[in-house]
Amino acid sequence: MASAEAEIDELDVGNSRVFAEIAHAVQLQEGEVGVRQVLQAIGQLAPATTQAVSQQTGLPKPIVVAVSNELRSRGLVTKERPSRLTPSGQALLGEAPVNLRAEVGCDCCYGYGLIPGPLSKLTGKLAKLIEQAPPVDLALDQSHSTAETKVRRILFLLHSGLLPTRAMICVGDDDLMAVTVAMASAELGRPLVERLGVLDISPAVLNFSRQRLDELGFAAEFIQHDLRSPSPRDLDSSFDLAVTDPPYTLDGGRLFLSRAVESLRPGPGSSVAFSFGPKGPADTFRLQAAMQELGLTVQALLRDFNSYHGAGVIGGRSHLYHLATTAQTKPSVIGGYDGPMYTADARQRDRVYRCLQCGTRHTVGPGARWRTIGELKEAGCPECGGHRLRPLHLAPPSNR
């Protein structure tokens, strides 16, 4: 067993070296992940034209040509065009590639609205799974996404080329995406993830997911962890894809994104599937600024993609972002974090309200004249007596 594992490790190192050499030779910003994507696309589309590979990978045609030529010079792709993998190219990928995008595709909506044949039974199975799942913990801003949403996420990840992948981590998983990936793998007849990590603060969520994956014979690494602490070292900088649906607050979103970045392989080519509720213009700007601070680029934004049971704070909906790493990607939260994260934390801060009748601004909260908005509405605006008020921003923390 030890010698077999050593051979696998040596093969992985060798594969990575080839991909790294080609990425360096063509100065590919996407790094070795981009080279792997081109090789996979050629295998899936065979015979593969440059145009088809470019469309599937999202890489410009000149880049695809340059990478393909490097693969061809190493005997990994045939000299004849359209391209096919040679036996050496097949061996480098480890198994015969299957175009899962074609299997779950839909010419009209790309599978986001309609569930195609291979996954048609998965929605019903996930609905039963949700009924058995641990109840949500509102103090942790938990809410269960619908069964349809879970399947739609899988479809999006497949169409975007983010699945299958070598290594995926769920940063917080009350949505049970780890189990969803395992169940989708069973429905499709092939694993979508070689290595799966699950990081969550809730023992109930982890135990439930662990039991379901054991039943499916799907291996995963489960770690109970409070994201206020840095990511565990054995999950550091080793994943290609992070999936996260953080608390509703901007602080929570920024922290979860930063921890997701900690878990990804350094450099360009990795991705984050980030679900986050709709915000007003000012908060949306702050969210995008946080993404920029992390060195992430927005590859796609699907508005109102996710639906939830409950989650009234965000109207039962959230957007799905596909974020990609760059050479500038790095965590924005280093070490421990002791600031606000959940909605309940934000309630401990004073908030400013504006009277809709006269425009006067009033502060409401634990340290203000009115502790709740109900008290202010009952008393009326001191300036005009108005009772209609609109919430604005949180008041700056005081030093009391």
Protein backbone atom coordinates (compact mmCIF):
# COMPACT_ATOMS: atom_id res chain seq x y z
CA MET A 1 0.00 0.00 0.00
CA ALA A 2 2.79 2.42 0.92
CA SER A 3 4.56 1.89 -2.41
CA ALA A 4 1.31 2.41 -4.35
CA GLU A 5 0.66 5.67 -2.51
CA ALA A 6 4.23 6.77 -3.22
CA GLU A 7 3.72 6.07 -6.93
CA ILE A 8 0.55 8.20 -6.93
CA ASP A 9 2.37 11.02 -5.16
CA GLU A 10 5.22 10.84 -7.69
CA LEU A 11 2.72 10.88 -10.55
CA ASP A 12 0.97 13.94 -9.12
CA VAL A 13 4.29 15.74 -8.73
CA GLY A 14 5.27 14.83 -12.28
CA ASN A 15 1.96 16.01 -13.69
CA SER A 16 2.19 19.28 -11.81
CA ARG A 17 5.74 19.81 -13.10
CA VAL A 18 4.63 19.38 -16.73
CA PHE A 19 1.70 21.77 -16.27
CA ALA A 20 3.93 24.31 -14.51
CA GLU A 21 6.56 24.13 -17.30
CA ILE A 22 3.96 24.76 -20.00
CA ALA A 23 2.33 27.60 -18.05
CA HIS A 24 5.75 29.23 -17.68
CA ALA A 25 6.64 28.70 -21.34
CA VAL A 26 3.54 30.55 -22.59
CA GLN A 27 3.37 32.99 -19.65
CA LEU A 28 -0.15 31.78 -18.89
CA GLN A 29 -1.76 33.97 -16.22
CA GLU A 30 -4.10 31.14 -15.24
CA GLY A 31 -1.10 29.03 -14.33
CA GLU A 32 -0.98 25.24 -14.41
CA VAL A 33 -4.75 25.06 -13.82
CA GLY A 34 -5.27 26.72 -17.20
CA VAL A 35 -3.03 24.15 -18.89
CA ARG A 36 -4.98 21.33 -17.26
CA GLN A 37 -8.24 22.88 -18.48
CA VAL A 38 -6.99 22.97 -22.08
CA LEU A 39 -5.86 19.34 -21.86
CA GLN A 40 -9.20 18.28 -20.36
CA ALA A 41 -11.14 20.21 -23.00
CA ILE A 42 -9.21 18.53 -25.82
CA GLY A 43 -9.99 15.14 -24.29
CA GLN A 44 -13.66 15.93 -23.76
CA LEU A 45 -14.28 17.50 -27.17
CA ALA A 46 -12.10 15.18 -29.27
CA PRO A 47 -11.61 15.88 -32.06
CA ALA A 48 -11.21 19.39 -30.64
CA THR A 49 -10.89 22.57 -32.68
CA THR A 50 -9.15 25.63 -31.28
CA GLN A 51 -12.46 27.51 -31.36
CA ALA A 52 -14.26 24.82 -29.34
CA VAL A 53 -11.48 24.62 -26.72
CA SER A 54 -11.45 28.41 -26.42
CA GLN A 55 -15.21 28.49 -25.85
CA GLN A 56 -15.10 25.73 -23.24
CA THR A 57 -12.14 27.07 -21.27
CA GLY A 58 -12.83 30.80 -21.69
CA LEU A 59 -9.23 31.31 -22.85
CA PRO A 60 -8.47 33.42 -25.96
CA LYS A 61 -7.74 31.45 -29.13
CA PRO A 62 -4.07 32.59 -29.36
CA ILE A 63 -3.50 31.29 -25.82
CA VAL A 64 -5.18 27.98 -26.63
CA VAL A 65 -2.95 27.65 -29.72
CA ALA A 66 0.18 28.36 -27.67
CA VAL A 67 -0.74 25.86 -24.93
CA SER A 68 -1.77 23.23 -27.49
CA ASN A 69 1.56 23.59 -29.29
CA GLU A 70 3.43 23.05 -26.03
CA LEU A 71 1.30 19.98 -25.30
CA ARG A 72 1.93 18.77 -28.85
CA SER A 73 5.71 19.24 -28.53
CA ARG A 74 5.65 17.00 -25.45
CA GLY A 75 3.71 14.26 -27.21
CA LEU A 76 0.55 14.81 -25.18
CA VAL A 77 -1.63 15.96 -28.09
CA THR A 78 -1.69 14.55 -31.64
CA LYS A 79 0.03 16.42 -34.45
CA GLU A 80 -3.10 16.03 -36.58
CA ARG A 81 -5.82 18.65 -36.28
CA PRO A 82 -8.50 18.81 -34.94
CA SER A 83 -6.64 17.73 -31.83
CA ARG A 84 -6.93 14.56 -29.78
CA LEU A 85 -5.04 13.33 -26.75
CA THR A 86 -2.25 10.83 -27.26
CA PRO A 87 -1.98 7.84 -24.89
CA SER A 88 0.54 9.92 -22.90
CA GLY A 89 -1.97 12.77 -22.67
CA GLN A 90 -4.66 10.36 -21.49
CA ALA A 91 -2.29 9.00 -18.86
CA LEU A 92 -1.43 12.50 -17.67
CA LEU A 93 -5.09 13.19 -16.87
CA GLY A 94 -5.38 9.89 -15.03
CA GLU A 95 -8.56 8.67 -16.71
CA ALA A 96 -10.50 9.07 -19.93
CA PRO A 97 -12.17 12.50 -19.74
CA VAL A 98 -15.93 12.66 -20.08
CA ASN A 99 -17.71 15.82 -21.19
CA LEU A 100 -20.13 16.18 -18.29
CA ARG A 101 -21.20 19.57 -19.63
CA ALA A 102 -22.77 17.87 -22.61
CA GLU A 103 -24.50 15.30 -20.41
CA VAL A 104 -26.23 17.89 -18.24
CA GLY A 105 -26.58 20.64 -20.83
CA CYS A 106 -29.62 22.50 -22.09
CA ASP A 107 -29.44 24.68 -25.20
CA CYS A 108 -32.09 27.06 -23.84
CA CYS A 109 -31.07 27.72 -20.24
CA TYR A 110 -27.80 25.75 -19.75
CA GLY A 111 -29.53 23.65 -17.12
CA TYR A 112 -29.99 26.48 -14.61
CA GLY A 113 -33.77 26.48 -14.89
CA LEU A 114 -34.45 22.93 -16.06
CA ILE A 115 -32.96 19.83 -14.45
CA PRO A 116 -31.68 17.55 -17.25
CA GLY A 117 -32.06 13.78 -17.41
CA PRO A 118 -28.93 12.56 -15.59
CA LEU A 119 -29.78 14.65 -12.51
CA SER A 120 -33.58 14.60 -12.77
CA LYS A 121 -34.00 12.35 -9.72
CA LEU A 122 -31.56 14.29 -7.57
CA THR A 123 -33.96 17.10 -6.64
CA GLY A 124 -36.43 14.72 -4.99
CA LYS A 125 -33.68 12.93 -3.09
CA LEU A 126 -32.29 16.23 -1.83
CA ALA A 127 -35.75 17.38 -0.73
CA LYS A 128 -35.97 14.31 1.52
CA LEU A 129 -32.44 15.00 2.75
CA ILE A 130 -33.41 18.55 3.79
CA GLU A 131 -36.31 17.17 5.83
CA GLN A 132 -33.87 15.00 7.80
CA ALA A 133 -31.19 17.69 8.23
CA PRO A 134 -30.49 19.38 11.56
CA PRO A 135 -32.70 22.42 12.23
CA VAL A 136 -31.21 25.77 11.30
CA ASP A 137 -29.40 27.80 13.94
CA LEU A 138 -30.59 31.35 13.41
CA ALA A 139 -27.83 32.68 15.67
CA LEU A 140 -25.38 31.50 12.98
CA ASP A 141 -27.50 32.96 10.12
CA GLN A 142 -28.13 29.42 8.89
CA SER A 143 -30.82 28.74 6.30
CA HIS A 144 -31.35 25.77 4.02
CA SER A 145 -31.23 26.41 0.30
CA THR A 146 -33.92 24.58 -1.65
CA ALA A 147 -33.26 21.24 -3.33
CA GLU A 148 -33.58 22.89 -6.74
CA THR A 149 -30.93 25.46 -5.76
CA LYS A 150 -28.48 22.75 -4.74
CA VAL A 151 -28.85 21.00 -8.10
CA ARG A 152 -28.63 24.30 -10.00
CA ARG A 153 -25.33 25.02 -8.24
CA ILE A 154 -23.95 21.67 -9.41
CA LEU A 155 -25.07 22.48 -12.96
CA PHE A 156 -23.44 25.89 -12.82
CA LEU A 157 -20.17 24.43 -11.54
CA LEU A 158 -20.21 21.83 -14.32
CA HIS A 159 -20.96 24.35 -17.06
CA SER A 160 -18.29 26.71 -15.73
CA GLY A 161 -15.66 23.98 -15.79
CA LEU A 162 -15.23 24.15 -12.00
CA LEU A 163 -16.36 20.54 -11.67
CA PRO A 164 -14.94 17.94 -11.90
CA THR A 165 -11.98 19.11 -9.83
CA ARG A 166 -9.05 17.72 -7.93
CA ALA A 167 -9.86 19.38 -4.62
CA MET A 168 -12.92 21.27 -3.35
CA ILE A 169 -13.65 22.71 0.09
CA CYS A 170 -16.95 23.83 1.59
CA VAL A 171 -16.26 26.83 3.83
CA GLY A 172 -19.32 26.52 6.06
CA ASP A 173 -21.79 23.89 4.91
CA ASP A 174 -25.21 24.10 6.52
CA ASP A 175 -26.37 24.03 2.86
CA LEU A 176 -25.06 20.43 2.62
CA MET A 177 -23.14 21.04 -0.61
CA ALA A 178 -20.64 18.31 0.28
CA VAL A 179 -23.46 15.76 0.37
CA THR A 180 -24.95 17.27 -2.79
CA VAL A 181 -21.66 16.79 -4.67
CA ALA A 182 -21.45 13.18 -3.49
CA MET A 183 -25.06 12.47 -4.50
CA ALA A 184 -24.56 14.14 -7.89
CA SER A 185 -21.44 12.02 -8.41
CA ALA A 186 -23.50 8.90 -7.73
CA GLU A 187 -26.22 10.02 -10.18
CA LEU A 188 -23.67 10.76 -12.92
CA GLY A 189 -21.72 7.58 -12.27
CA ARG A 190 -18.35 9.26 -11.72
CA PRO A 191 -16.74 11.30 -8.93
CA LEU A 192 -16.88 15.06 -9.35
CA VAL A 193 -14.22 15.68 -6.70
CA GLU A 194 -11.06 13.75 -5.87
CA ARG A 195 -10.53 15.43 -2.51
CA LEU A 196 -13.37 17.03 -0.53
CA GLY A 197 -12.99 19.18 2.58
CA VAL A 198 -15.77 20.41 4.86
CA LEU A 199 -15.20 23.20 7.37
CA ASP A 200 -18.06 24.17 9.70
CA ILE A 201 -18.65 25.40 13.25
CA SER A 202 -21.67 23.14 13.83
CA PRO A 203 -21.09 19.56 15.10
CA ALA A 204 -24.65 18.71 14.08
CA VAL A 205 -24.04 19.72 10.46
CA LEU A 206 -20.72 17.87 10.29
CA ASN A 207 -22.10 14.67 11.86
CA PHE A 208 -25.11 14.66 9.55
CA SER A 209 -22.97 15.17 6.44
CA ARG A 210 -20.42 12.58 7.58
CA GLN A 211 -23.13 9.95 8.02
CA ARG A 212 -24.64 10.64 4.60
CA LEU A 213 -21.25 10.49 2.86
CA ASP A 214 -20.36 7.27 4.66
CA GLU A 215 -23.59 5.77 3.33
CA LEU A 216 -22.58 6.83 -0.19
CA GLY A 217 -19.04 5.54 0.22
CA PHE A 218 -17.68 9.03 -0.52
CA ALA A 219 -14.59 10.12 1.43
CA ALA A 220 -14.25 13.64 2.85
CA GLU A 221 -12.29 15.54 5.47
CA PHE A 222 -14.60 17.00 8.15
CA ILE A 223 -13.23 19.64 10.50
CA GLN A 224 -15.17 21.52 13.17
CA HIS A 225 -13.80 25.03 13.12
CA ASP A 226 -14.80 28.57 14.02
CA LEU A 227 -13.77 30.80 11.13
CA ARG A 228 -12.85 33.55 13.58
CA SER A 229 -9.66 31.48 13.89
CA PRO A 230 -7.24 30.97 10.98
CA SER A 231 -7.85 27.98 8.74
CA PRO A 232 -6.34 24.69 9.95
CA ARG A 233 -2.88 24.09 8.50
CA ASP A 234 -3.80 20.80 6.82
CA LEU A 235 -6.47 22.64 4.80
CA ASP A 236 -4.21 25.57 3.96
CA SER A 237 -3.41 26.45 0.33
CA SER A 238 -4.32 23.07 -1.14
CA PHE A 239 -7.72 23.37 -2.89
CA ASP A 240 -8.74 24.40 -6.41
CA LEU A 241 -12.35 25.34 -5.61
CA ALA A 242 -14.01 26.80 -2.52
CA VAL A 243 -17.79 26.93 -2.12
CA THR A 244 -19.24 29.22 0.53
CA ASP A 245 -22.59 30.73 1.52
CA PRO A 246 -21.64 33.00 4.44
CA PRO A 247 -23.67 34.91 7.04
CA TYR A 248 -25.81 37.77 5.76
CA THR A 249 -23.50 40.55 6.96
CA LEU A 250 -20.74 42.27 5.00
CA ASP A 251 -18.29 41.45 7.78
CA GLY A 252 -19.29 37.80 7.61
CA GLY A 253 -19.01 37.75 3.82
CA ARG A 254 -15.55 39.32 3.90
CA LEU A 255 -14.32 36.91 6.60
CA PHE A 256 -15.64 33.78 4.86
CA LEU A 257 -14.15 34.92 1.55
CA SER A 258 -10.80 35.54 3.20
CA ARG A 259 -10.80 32.09 4.80
CA ALA A 260 -11.79 30.57 1.45
CA VAL A 261 -8.79 32.27 -0.15
CA GLU A 262 -6.56 30.85 2.62
CA SER A 263 -7.61 27.35 1.59
CA LEU A 264 -6.90 27.78 -2.15
CA ARG A 265 -3.71 27.00 -4.00
CA PRO A 266 -1.62 30.16 -4.35
CA GLY A 267 -1.57 32.02 -7.63
CA PRO A 268 -4.15 32.31 -10.43
CA GLY A 269 -6.44 29.54 -11.64
CA SER A 270 -8.47 28.69 -8.52
CA SER A 271 -12.10 29.68 -7.95
CA VAL A 272 -14.67 30.57 -5.31
CA ALA A 273 -18.39 29.95 -5.73
CA PHE A 274 -19.74 32.65 -3.42
CA SER A 275 -23.43 33.04 -2.54
CA PHE A 276 -24.49 36.32 -0.96
CA GLY A 277 -27.76 38.15 -0.46
CA PRO A 278 -28.77 41.34 -2.27
CA LYS A 279 -27.55 44.62 -0.79
CA GLY A 280 -28.11 48.31 -1.47
CA PRO A 281 -25.67 50.30 -3.64
CA ALA A 282 -23.41 51.37 -0.76
CA ASP A 283 -23.06 47.86 0.68
CA THR A 284 -22.66 46.32 -2.77
CA PHE A 285 -19.78 48.72 -3.40
CA ARG A 286 -18.17 47.69 -0.08
CA LEU A 287 -18.60 44.01 -0.99
CA GLN A 288 -16.92 44.52 -4.35
CA ALA A 289 -14.15 46.49 -2.67
CA ALA A 290 -13.60 43.51 -0.35
CA MET A 291 -13.31 41.21 -3.38
CA GLN A 292 -10.78 43.57 -4.94
CA GLU A 293 -8.82 43.72 -1.69
CA LEU A 294 -8.62 39.91 -1.79
CA GLY A 295 -7.31 40.02 -5.36
CA LEU A 296 -10.35 38.19 -6.77
CA THR A 297 -11.98 38.86 -10.13
CA VAL A 298 -15.69 38.41 -10.88
CA GLN A 299 -16.08 35.87 -13.67
CA ALA A 300 -19.86 35.65 -13.41
CA LEU A 301 -22.73 37.05 -11.34
CA LEU A 302 -26.09 35.29 -11.42
CA ARG A 303 -28.64 37.47 -9.65
CA ASP A 304 -31.25 35.81 -7.41
CA PHE A 305 -29.80 32.41 -8.32
CA ASN A 306 -30.25 30.86 -4.87
CA SER A 307 -33.58 30.27 -3.12
CA TYR A 308 -33.92 29.46 0.58
CA HIS A 309 -36.44 28.14 3.04
CA GLY A 310 -36.98 31.17 5.28
CA ALA A 311 -34.06 33.63 5.21
CA GLY A 312 -36.38 36.63 5.42
CA VAL A 313 -33.44 38.96 6.04
CA ILE A 314 -32.38 38.50 2.42
CA GLY A 315 -35.87 37.97 1.01
CA GLY A 316 -35.33 34.23 0.57
CA ARG A 317 -32.87 34.87 -2.29
CA SER A 318 -29.18 35.43 -2.89
CA HIS A 319 -26.83 35.99 -5.80
CA LEU A 320 -24.19 33.52 -6.97
CA TYR A 321 -20.73 34.87 -7.81
CA HIS A 322 -17.99 32.97 -9.62
CA LEU A 323 -14.77 34.54 -8.36
CA ALA A 324 -11.31 33.66 -9.71
CA THR A 325 -7.91 34.06 -8.10
CA THR A 326 -5.08 36.13 -9.58
CA ALA A 327 -1.37 36.60 -8.93
CA GLN A 328 -2.41 39.30 -6.40
CA THR A 329 -4.81 37.08 -4.44
CA LYS A 330 -4.14 36.95 -0.71
CA PRO A 331 -6.24 36.79 2.48
CA SER A 332 -7.50 40.10 3.82
CA VAL A 333 -7.98 38.79 7.37
CA ILE A 334 -4.73 37.56 8.86
CA GLY A 335 -4.73 35.61 12.11
CA GLY A 336 -7.70 35.70 14.48
CA TYR A 337 -10.81 37.84 14.02
CA ASP A 338 -12.86 39.30 16.89
CA GLY A 339 -15.21 41.65 15.05
CA PRO A 340 -18.91 41.24 14.19
CA MET A 341 -19.87 38.42 11.84
CA TYR A 342 -23.52 37.41 12.21
CA THR A 343 -26.73 39.44 11.98
CA ALA A 344 -27.11 39.18 15.75
CA ASP A 345 -23.69 40.80 16.17
CA ALA A 346 -24.77 43.76 14.07
CA ARG A 347 -27.81 44.25 16.28
CA GLN A 348 -25.46 45.06 19.13
CA ARG A 349 -24.42 48.18 17.22
CA ASP A 350 -26.37 51.43 17.04
CA ARG A 351 -28.04 52.15 13.70
CA VAL A 352 -28.95 55.47 12.13
CA TYR A 353 -32.53 56.06 10.91
CA ARG A 354 -33.87 58.91 8.80
CA CYS A 355 -37.29 60.44 9.34
CA LEU A 356 -39.16 60.29 6.02
CA GLN A 357 -41.17 63.39 6.93
CA CYS A 358 -38.46 65.91 7.83
CA GLY A 359 -35.20 64.10 7.00
CA THR A 360 -33.75 64.31 10.52
CA ARG A 361 -31.42 61.45 11.41
CA HIS A 362 -31.71 59.60 14.71
CA THR A 363 -29.54 56.91 16.30
CA VAL A 364 -31.19 53.75 17.65
CA GLY A 365 -29.54 50.97 19.61
CA PRO A 366 -28.13 49.81 22.94
CA GLY A 367 -26.15 53.02 23.48
CA ALA A 368 -28.67 55.49 22.08
CA ARG A 369 -31.67 57.44 23.40
CA TRP A 370 -34.00 54.87 21.81
CA ARG A 371 -32.94 51.27 22.24
CA THR A 372 -35.23 49.93 19.52
CA ILE A 373 -36.84 51.33 16.40
CA GLY A 374 -40.19 50.49 17.98
CA GLU A 375 -39.50 52.95 20.80
CA LEU A 376 -38.59 55.71 18.34
CA LYS A 377 -41.67 55.11 16.20
CA GLU A 378 -43.93 55.19 19.26
CA ALA A 379 -42.39 58.42 20.53
CA GLY A 380 -42.27 60.00 17.07
CA CYS A 381 -39.54 62.14 15.56
CA PRO A 382 -38.62 64.89 18.08
CA GLU A 383 -38.39 67.41 15.23
CA CYS A 384 -41.70 66.83 13.45
CA GLY A 385 -43.55 64.02 15.25
CA GLY A 386 -43.30 61.73 12.20
CA HIS A 387 -43.54 57.98 12.66
CA ARG A 388 -42.15 56.76 9.34
CA LEU A 389 -38.40 56.09 9.44
CA ARG A 390 -35.95 54.45 7.09
CA PRO A 391 -32.90 52.45 8.32
CA LEU A 392 -29.53 53.74 7.10
CA HIS A 393 -26.00 52.68 8.06
CA LEU A 394 -24.65 51.29 11.33
CA ALA A 395 -23.32 53.98 13.66
CA PRO A 396 -19.54 53.95 14.20
CA PRO A 397 -18.48 51.93 17.25
CA SER A 398 -18.12 54.09 20.33
CA ASN A 399 -15.35 53.91 22.92
CA ARG A 400 -17.70 53.76 25.86
